N, C-alpha and C. Protein backbone atom coordinates (compact mmCIF):
# COMPACT_ATOMS: atom_id res chain seq x y z
N MET A 1 22.39 144.76 103.42
CA MET A 1 22.78 144.89 102.09
C MET A 1 24.44 144.36 101.96
N SER A 2 24.70 143.40 101.23
CA SER A 2 26.03 143.07 101.04
C SER A 2 26.89 144.20 100.52
N GLY A 3 28.22 144.19 100.86
CA GLY A 3 29.19 145.17 100.28
C GLY A 3 29.04 146.38 100.99
N THR A 4 28.56 146.60 102.14
CA THR A 4 28.31 147.81 102.92
C THR A 4 29.19 147.71 104.22
N TRP A 5 30.05 146.71 104.35
CA TRP A 5 30.88 146.55 105.47
C TRP A 5 31.48 147.78 105.94
N TRP A 6 31.86 148.69 104.92
CA TRP A 6 32.65 149.84 105.40
C TRP A 6 31.94 150.91 105.89
N VAL A 7 30.60 150.88 105.88
CA VAL A 7 29.68 151.83 106.52
C VAL A 7 30.14 152.24 108.00
N SER A 8 30.29 151.25 108.74
CA SER A 8 30.58 151.44 110.17
C SER A 8 32.00 151.91 110.30
N ASP A 9 32.87 151.78 109.30
CA ASP A 9 34.24 152.25 109.52
C ASP A 9 34.45 153.60 109.01
N ALA A 10 33.34 154.20 108.30
CA ALA A 10 33.52 155.48 107.74
C ALA A 10 33.73 156.56 109.00
N PRO A 11 34.41 157.57 108.76
CA PRO A 11 34.68 158.56 109.68
C PRO A 11 33.42 159.30 110.28
N CYS A 12 32.17 159.25 109.51
CA CYS A 12 30.89 159.97 109.90
C CYS A 12 30.07 159.03 110.44
N ALA A 13 30.37 157.69 110.59
CA ALA A 13 29.47 156.70 110.98
C ALA A 13 28.89 157.08 112.36
N GLY A 14 27.43 157.17 112.37
CA GLY A 14 26.75 157.34 113.52
C GLY A 14 26.56 158.81 113.79
N ASP A 15 26.97 159.75 112.95
CA ASP A 15 27.05 161.06 113.25
C ASP A 15 25.72 161.76 112.38
N MET A 16 24.64 162.10 113.11
CA MET A 16 23.50 162.43 112.48
C MET A 16 23.59 163.89 111.90
N ARG A 17 24.69 164.60 112.25
CA ARG A 17 24.69 165.90 111.68
C ARG A 17 24.81 165.87 110.09
N PHE A 18 25.36 164.73 109.59
CA PHE A 18 25.60 164.59 108.18
C PHE A 18 24.46 164.52 107.44
N THR A 19 23.29 164.00 108.13
CA THR A 19 21.97 163.90 107.48
C THR A 19 20.90 164.53 108.30
N PRO A 20 20.87 165.92 108.28
CA PRO A 20 19.94 166.53 109.30
C PRO A 20 18.30 166.26 108.73
N ASN A 21 17.55 166.16 109.83
CA ASN A 21 16.21 166.02 109.43
C ASN A 21 15.49 167.26 108.75
N ASP A 22 15.93 168.45 109.27
CA ASP A 22 15.49 169.49 108.81
C ASP A 22 16.28 170.43 107.83
N ALA A 23 16.76 169.75 106.79
CA ALA A 23 17.92 170.18 105.85
C ALA A 23 17.27 171.20 104.93
N SER A 24 17.03 172.40 105.43
CA SER A 24 16.69 173.55 104.48
C SER A 24 17.86 174.10 103.91
N GLU A 25 17.71 174.83 102.91
CA GLU A 25 18.90 175.61 102.23
C GLU A 25 19.89 176.39 103.12
N ASP A 26 19.00 177.20 104.08
CA ASP A 26 19.68 177.98 105.05
C ASP A 26 20.57 177.06 105.94
N LEU A 27 19.94 175.97 106.50
CA LEU A 27 20.69 175.14 107.33
C LEU A 27 22.00 174.49 106.65
N LEU A 28 21.83 174.22 105.42
CA LEU A 28 23.16 173.77 104.70
C LEU A 28 24.12 174.71 104.51
N ARG A 29 23.84 176.02 104.66
CA ARG A 29 24.80 176.98 104.28
C ARG A 29 25.58 177.36 105.49
N THR A 30 25.31 176.90 106.74
CA THR A 30 25.90 177.32 107.91
C THR A 30 27.46 176.79 108.04
N PRO A 31 28.19 177.67 108.76
CA PRO A 31 29.60 177.30 108.80
C PRO A 31 29.85 175.88 109.37
N GLN A 32 29.00 175.56 110.40
CA GLN A 32 29.25 174.20 110.93
C GLN A 32 29.07 173.09 109.96
N THR A 33 28.03 173.31 109.19
CA THR A 33 27.81 172.23 108.19
C THR A 33 28.91 172.23 107.13
N HIS A 34 29.49 173.19 106.73
CA HIS A 34 30.68 173.24 105.77
C HIS A 34 31.87 172.73 106.69
N GLN A 35 32.14 172.75 107.91
CA GLN A 35 33.18 172.20 108.71
C GLN A 35 33.04 170.66 108.63
N LEU A 36 31.80 170.22 108.55
CA LEU A 36 31.69 168.76 108.59
C LEU A 36 32.43 168.20 107.20
N LEU A 37 32.61 168.95 106.15
CA LEU A 37 32.96 168.39 104.94
C LEU A 37 34.64 168.11 105.16
N THR A 38 35.22 168.81 106.19
CA THR A 38 36.67 168.33 106.44
C THR A 38 36.73 167.02 106.91
N VAL A 39 35.64 166.34 107.60
CA VAL A 39 35.71 165.00 108.13
C VAL A 39 35.75 164.11 106.71
N CYS A 40 35.33 164.41 105.62
CA CYS A 40 35.22 163.62 104.31
C CYS A 40 36.72 163.73 103.63
N GLU A 41 37.37 164.80 103.93
CA GLU A 41 38.71 164.89 103.17
C GLU A 41 39.62 163.72 103.08
N GLY A 42 39.69 163.04 104.20
CA GLY A 42 40.67 161.91 104.20
C GLY A 42 39.79 160.53 104.04
N CYS A 43 38.77 160.46 103.96
CA CYS A 43 37.74 159.40 103.95
C CYS A 43 38.03 158.61 102.65
N PRO A 44 38.31 157.31 102.77
CA PRO A 44 38.50 156.47 101.51
C PRO A 44 37.28 155.90 100.93
N TYR A 45 36.08 156.21 101.50
CA TYR A 45 34.84 155.68 101.13
C TYR A 45 33.92 156.63 100.46
N ARG A 46 34.43 157.81 99.92
CA ARG A 46 33.52 158.87 99.29
C ARG A 46 32.83 158.22 98.13
N ALA A 47 33.59 157.50 97.18
CA ALA A 47 32.88 157.05 95.99
C ALA A 47 31.86 155.96 96.50
N ARG A 48 32.20 155.18 97.34
CA ARG A 48 31.28 154.12 97.84
C ARG A 48 30.05 154.80 98.45
N CYS A 49 30.27 155.88 99.32
CA CYS A 49 29.02 156.57 99.76
C CYS A 49 28.07 156.93 98.84
N ILE A 50 28.62 157.66 97.80
CA ILE A 50 27.72 158.12 96.70
C ILE A 50 27.13 156.93 96.09
N ALA A 51 27.78 155.96 95.71
CA ALA A 51 27.08 154.63 95.13
C ALA A 51 25.88 154.13 96.00
N LEU A 52 26.09 154.28 97.29
CA LEU A 52 25.20 153.65 98.16
C LEU A 52 23.97 154.71 98.44
N VAL A 53 24.22 155.91 98.52
CA VAL A 53 23.12 156.80 98.90
C VAL A 53 22.42 157.25 97.46
N LEU A 54 23.14 157.42 96.36
CA LEU A 54 22.54 157.95 95.16
C LEU A 54 22.01 159.15 95.40
N PRO A 55 22.89 160.30 95.88
CA PRO A 55 22.26 161.54 96.18
C PRO A 55 21.35 162.20 95.12
N ARG A 56 21.88 162.13 93.87
CA ARG A 56 20.98 162.89 92.76
C ARG A 56 19.74 162.15 92.62
N HIS A 57 19.83 160.80 92.50
CA HIS A 57 18.66 160.05 92.32
C HIS A 57 17.59 160.03 93.37
N SER A 58 18.05 160.16 94.57
CA SER A 58 17.29 160.02 95.68
C SER A 58 16.99 161.57 96.34
N ARG A 59 17.50 162.57 95.61
CA ARG A 59 17.34 164.01 96.08
C ARG A 59 17.71 164.18 97.46
N PHE A 60 18.85 163.70 97.67
CA PHE A 60 19.39 163.62 99.08
C PHE A 60 19.70 165.05 99.63
N ASP A 61 19.44 165.25 100.99
CA ASP A 61 19.90 166.49 101.63
C ASP A 61 20.90 166.14 102.73
N GLY A 62 21.99 166.68 102.71
CA GLY A 62 23.05 166.49 103.71
C GLY A 62 24.45 166.35 103.10
N ILE A 63 25.29 165.60 103.79
CA ILE A 63 26.56 165.51 103.39
C ILE A 63 26.78 163.96 102.95
N CYS A 64 27.24 163.64 101.72
CA CYS A 64 27.42 162.47 101.32
C CYS A 64 28.75 162.47 100.19
N GLY A 65 29.66 161.49 100.56
CA GLY A 65 30.67 161.34 99.61
C GLY A 65 31.55 162.50 99.35
N GLY A 66 31.79 163.31 100.52
CA GLY A 66 32.66 164.41 100.47
C GLY A 66 31.93 165.77 99.89
N ARG A 67 30.72 165.56 99.59
CA ARG A 67 29.80 166.65 99.13
C ARG A 67 28.69 167.11 99.99
N LEU A 68 28.37 168.40 99.88
CA LEU A 68 27.09 168.79 100.45
C LEU A 68 26.05 168.98 99.31
N TRP A 69 24.83 168.24 99.68
CA TRP A 69 23.73 168.17 98.79
C TRP A 69 22.60 168.67 99.17
N HIS A 70 21.78 169.32 98.41
CA HIS A 70 20.40 169.87 98.82
C HIS A 70 19.50 169.38 97.67
N ASP A 71 18.37 168.67 97.93
CA ASP A 71 17.43 168.19 97.14
C ASP A 71 18.27 167.45 95.73
N GLY A 72 19.28 166.82 96.17
CA GLY A 72 19.99 166.14 95.16
C GLY A 72 20.81 166.98 94.20
N ARG A 73 21.10 168.17 94.62
CA ARG A 73 21.99 168.96 93.87
C ARG A 73 23.23 169.29 94.61
N LEU A 74 24.32 169.29 93.98
CA LEU A 74 25.54 169.60 94.60
C LEU A 74 25.79 170.98 95.04
N ARG A 75 26.07 171.38 96.22
CA ARG A 75 26.24 172.57 96.84
C ARG A 75 27.61 172.96 97.08
N ALA A 76 28.47 171.95 97.52
CA ALA A 76 29.85 172.25 98.07
C ALA A 76 30.67 170.95 98.09
N THR A 77 31.89 170.90 97.90
CA THR A 77 32.64 169.82 97.92
C THR A 77 33.78 169.86 98.85
N CYS A 78 34.36 168.77 99.38
CA CYS A 78 35.41 168.96 100.34
C CYS A 78 36.82 168.96 99.52
N LYS A 79 37.77 169.37 100.14
CA LYS A 79 39.12 169.39 99.50
C LYS A 79 39.49 167.96 99.06
N GLY A 80 40.16 167.90 97.89
CA GLY A 80 40.63 166.55 97.44
C GLY A 80 39.60 165.54 96.86
N ALA A 81 38.38 166.09 96.85
CA ALA A 81 37.29 165.09 96.17
C ALA A 81 37.61 165.15 94.68
N ASP A 82 37.46 163.97 94.21
CA ASP A 82 37.74 163.64 92.81
C ASP A 82 36.38 163.60 92.06
N PRO A 83 36.26 164.25 90.83
CA PRO A 83 34.93 164.17 90.11
C PRO A 83 34.69 162.84 89.74
N ASP A 84 35.55 161.82 89.73
CA ASP A 84 35.28 160.40 89.29
C ASP A 84 34.33 159.78 90.39
N GLU A 85 34.41 160.25 91.56
CA GLU A 85 33.61 159.67 92.79
C GLU A 85 32.19 159.89 92.62
N LEU A 86 31.75 160.78 91.74
CA LEU A 86 30.45 161.16 91.56
C LEU A 86 29.53 160.32 90.82
N GLU A 87 30.08 159.03 90.34
CA GLU A 87 29.28 158.17 89.52
C GLU A 87 28.30 157.43 90.36
N GLU A 88 27.01 157.52 90.15
CA GLU A 88 25.93 157.01 90.87
C GLU A 88 25.71 155.58 90.41
N GLY A 89 25.90 155.43 89.24
CA GLY A 89 25.38 154.07 88.74
C GLY A 89 24.00 153.99 88.54
N PRO A 90 23.47 152.88 88.15
CA PRO A 90 22.08 152.70 87.97
C PRO A 90 21.20 152.80 89.10
N ALA A 91 20.00 153.12 89.14
CA ALA A 91 19.11 153.14 90.23
C ALA A 91 18.90 151.70 90.67
N PRO A 92 18.80 151.54 92.17
CA PRO A 92 18.59 150.26 92.68
C PRO A 92 17.23 149.51 92.08
N ILE A 93 17.32 148.20 92.04
CA ILE A 93 16.13 147.38 91.59
C ILE A 93 15.20 147.11 92.90
N ALA A 94 13.94 147.19 92.71
CA ALA A 94 13.00 146.91 93.76
C ALA A 94 12.77 145.35 93.68
N HIS A 95 13.71 144.52 94.12
CA HIS A 95 13.75 143.18 94.04
C HIS A 95 12.33 142.53 94.66
N GLY A 96 11.90 141.59 93.91
CA GLY A 96 10.53 140.82 94.53
C GLY A 96 9.39 141.59 94.08
N THR A 97 9.51 142.51 93.04
CA THR A 97 8.36 143.03 92.42
C THR A 97 8.29 142.87 90.76
N GLU A 98 7.21 143.21 90.33
CA GLU A 98 7.06 143.07 88.91
C GLU A 98 7.83 144.17 88.18
N SER A 99 7.92 145.26 88.83
CA SER A 99 8.77 146.43 88.24
C SER A 99 10.22 146.01 88.37
N GLY A 100 10.58 145.35 89.29
CA GLY A 100 12.00 144.82 89.49
C GLY A 100 12.37 143.86 88.38
N ALA A 101 11.32 142.94 87.99
CA ALA A 101 11.52 142.00 86.78
C ALA A 101 11.72 142.90 85.63
N ARG A 102 10.92 143.91 85.43
CA ARG A 102 11.08 144.79 84.18
C ARG A 102 12.34 145.55 84.09
N THR A 103 12.88 145.82 85.39
CA THR A 103 14.12 146.54 85.34
C THR A 103 15.28 145.72 84.85
N HIS A 104 15.23 144.54 85.47
CA HIS A 104 16.24 143.47 84.91
C HIS A 104 16.21 143.38 83.55
N ASN A 105 15.02 143.34 83.15
CA ASN A 105 14.85 143.09 81.56
C ASN A 105 15.24 144.17 80.70
N ARG A 106 15.04 145.46 81.25
CA ARG A 106 15.58 146.53 80.41
C ARG A 106 17.03 146.64 80.52
N ARG A 107 17.70 146.17 81.56
CA ARG A 107 18.97 146.21 81.66
C ARG A 107 19.81 145.08 80.84
N GLY A 108 18.90 144.09 80.35
CA GLY A 108 19.59 143.08 79.67
C GLY A 108 20.15 141.98 80.52
N GLU A 109 19.56 141.84 81.68
CA GLU A 109 20.12 140.92 82.58
C GLU A 109 19.14 139.80 83.10
N ARG A 110 19.58 138.72 83.38
CA ARG A 110 18.70 137.72 84.08
C ARG A 110 18.09 138.22 85.35
N ALA A 111 16.91 138.08 85.43
CA ALA A 111 16.08 138.58 86.72
C ALA A 111 16.57 137.64 87.88
N CYS A 112 16.49 138.24 89.02
CA CYS A 112 16.87 137.31 90.22
C CYS A 112 15.67 136.56 90.61
N VAL A 113 15.82 135.46 91.43
CA VAL A 113 14.79 134.66 91.81
C VAL A 113 13.45 135.39 92.27
N LEU A 114 13.66 136.35 93.21
CA LEU A 114 12.49 137.15 93.77
C LEU A 114 11.69 137.90 92.52
N CYS A 115 12.40 138.42 91.68
CA CYS A 115 11.83 139.30 90.68
C CYS A 115 11.29 138.31 89.57
N ARG A 116 11.80 137.15 89.21
CA ARG A 116 11.24 136.23 88.42
C ARG A 116 9.84 135.59 88.84
N GLU A 117 9.98 135.47 90.28
CA GLU A 117 8.61 134.79 90.69
C GLU A 117 7.62 135.87 90.90
N ALA A 118 7.88 137.26 91.13
CA ALA A 118 6.96 138.16 91.14
C ALA A 118 6.41 138.49 89.79
N GLY A 119 7.19 138.52 88.77
CA GLY A 119 6.90 138.55 87.40
C GLY A 119 5.79 137.42 86.87
N ARG A 120 6.08 136.18 87.44
CA ARG A 120 5.33 135.06 87.15
C ARG A 120 4.01 135.21 87.79
N LEU A 121 3.93 135.70 88.97
CA LEU A 121 2.64 135.98 89.60
C LEU A 121 1.74 136.96 89.06
N ALA A 122 2.40 137.84 88.72
CA ALA A 122 1.65 139.13 87.99
C ALA A 122 1.08 138.66 86.65
N GLN A 123 1.86 137.93 85.88
CA GLN A 123 1.41 137.31 84.60
C GLN A 123 0.22 136.39 84.85
N ALA A 124 0.16 135.53 85.89
CA ALA A 124 -0.90 134.59 86.18
C ALA A 124 -2.01 135.42 86.70
N ARG A 125 -1.91 136.66 87.38
CA ARG A 125 -3.03 137.37 87.60
C ARG A 125 -3.71 137.86 86.47
N ARG A 126 -2.88 138.43 85.54
CA ARG A 126 -3.34 139.03 84.39
C ARG A 126 -4.18 137.99 83.52
N ARG A 127 -3.65 136.75 83.40
CA ARG A 127 -4.27 135.70 82.60
C ARG A 127 -5.72 135.37 83.31
N GLU A 128 -5.72 135.16 84.75
CA GLU A 128 -6.79 134.94 85.34
C GLU A 128 -7.87 136.00 85.07
N LYS A 129 -7.55 137.31 85.17
CA LYS A 129 -8.34 138.44 85.00
C LYS A 129 -9.06 138.31 83.62
N ARG A 130 -8.22 138.11 82.56
CA ARG A 130 -8.85 137.91 81.16
C ARG A 130 -9.66 136.82 81.02
N ALA A 131 -9.37 135.69 81.62
CA ALA A 131 -10.25 134.45 81.52
C ALA A 131 -11.44 134.70 82.24
N SER A 132 -11.56 135.46 83.18
CA SER A 132 -12.75 135.81 83.96
C SER A 132 -13.60 136.79 83.27
N GLY A 133 -13.03 137.47 82.23
CA GLY A 133 -13.80 138.56 81.60
C GLY A 133 -13.71 140.03 82.16
N GLY A 134 -12.76 140.16 83.05
CA GLY A 134 -12.55 141.24 83.97
C GLY A 134 -11.64 142.09 83.34
């Protein structure tokens, strides 16, 4: 994915404690988990992290963008975090699919090559099905 060069430079890079596999509500309340938020205090990538992960949309569990999330709900915030960093933007497009073509269309933008082709193929299948009486 282009524009994610910063991920390997982030202070949390490679630290699996930020995205635990068994992220229960109790696990997320531990002092150790809250201590991880201090790593995010000086991170210049908090807004980019939220834009990449889309924690509300993806119902994220763990630490993202200087915030502790459980099931996509904000539970705690690091010191110095700005509310403007929470902008997730639109949900990502499933490129190369018919639904991706529809999403481009709903947003009023020209579909990418992959989505245009997927839309064209889906339309051809529908025409073929109608022609065969099915």
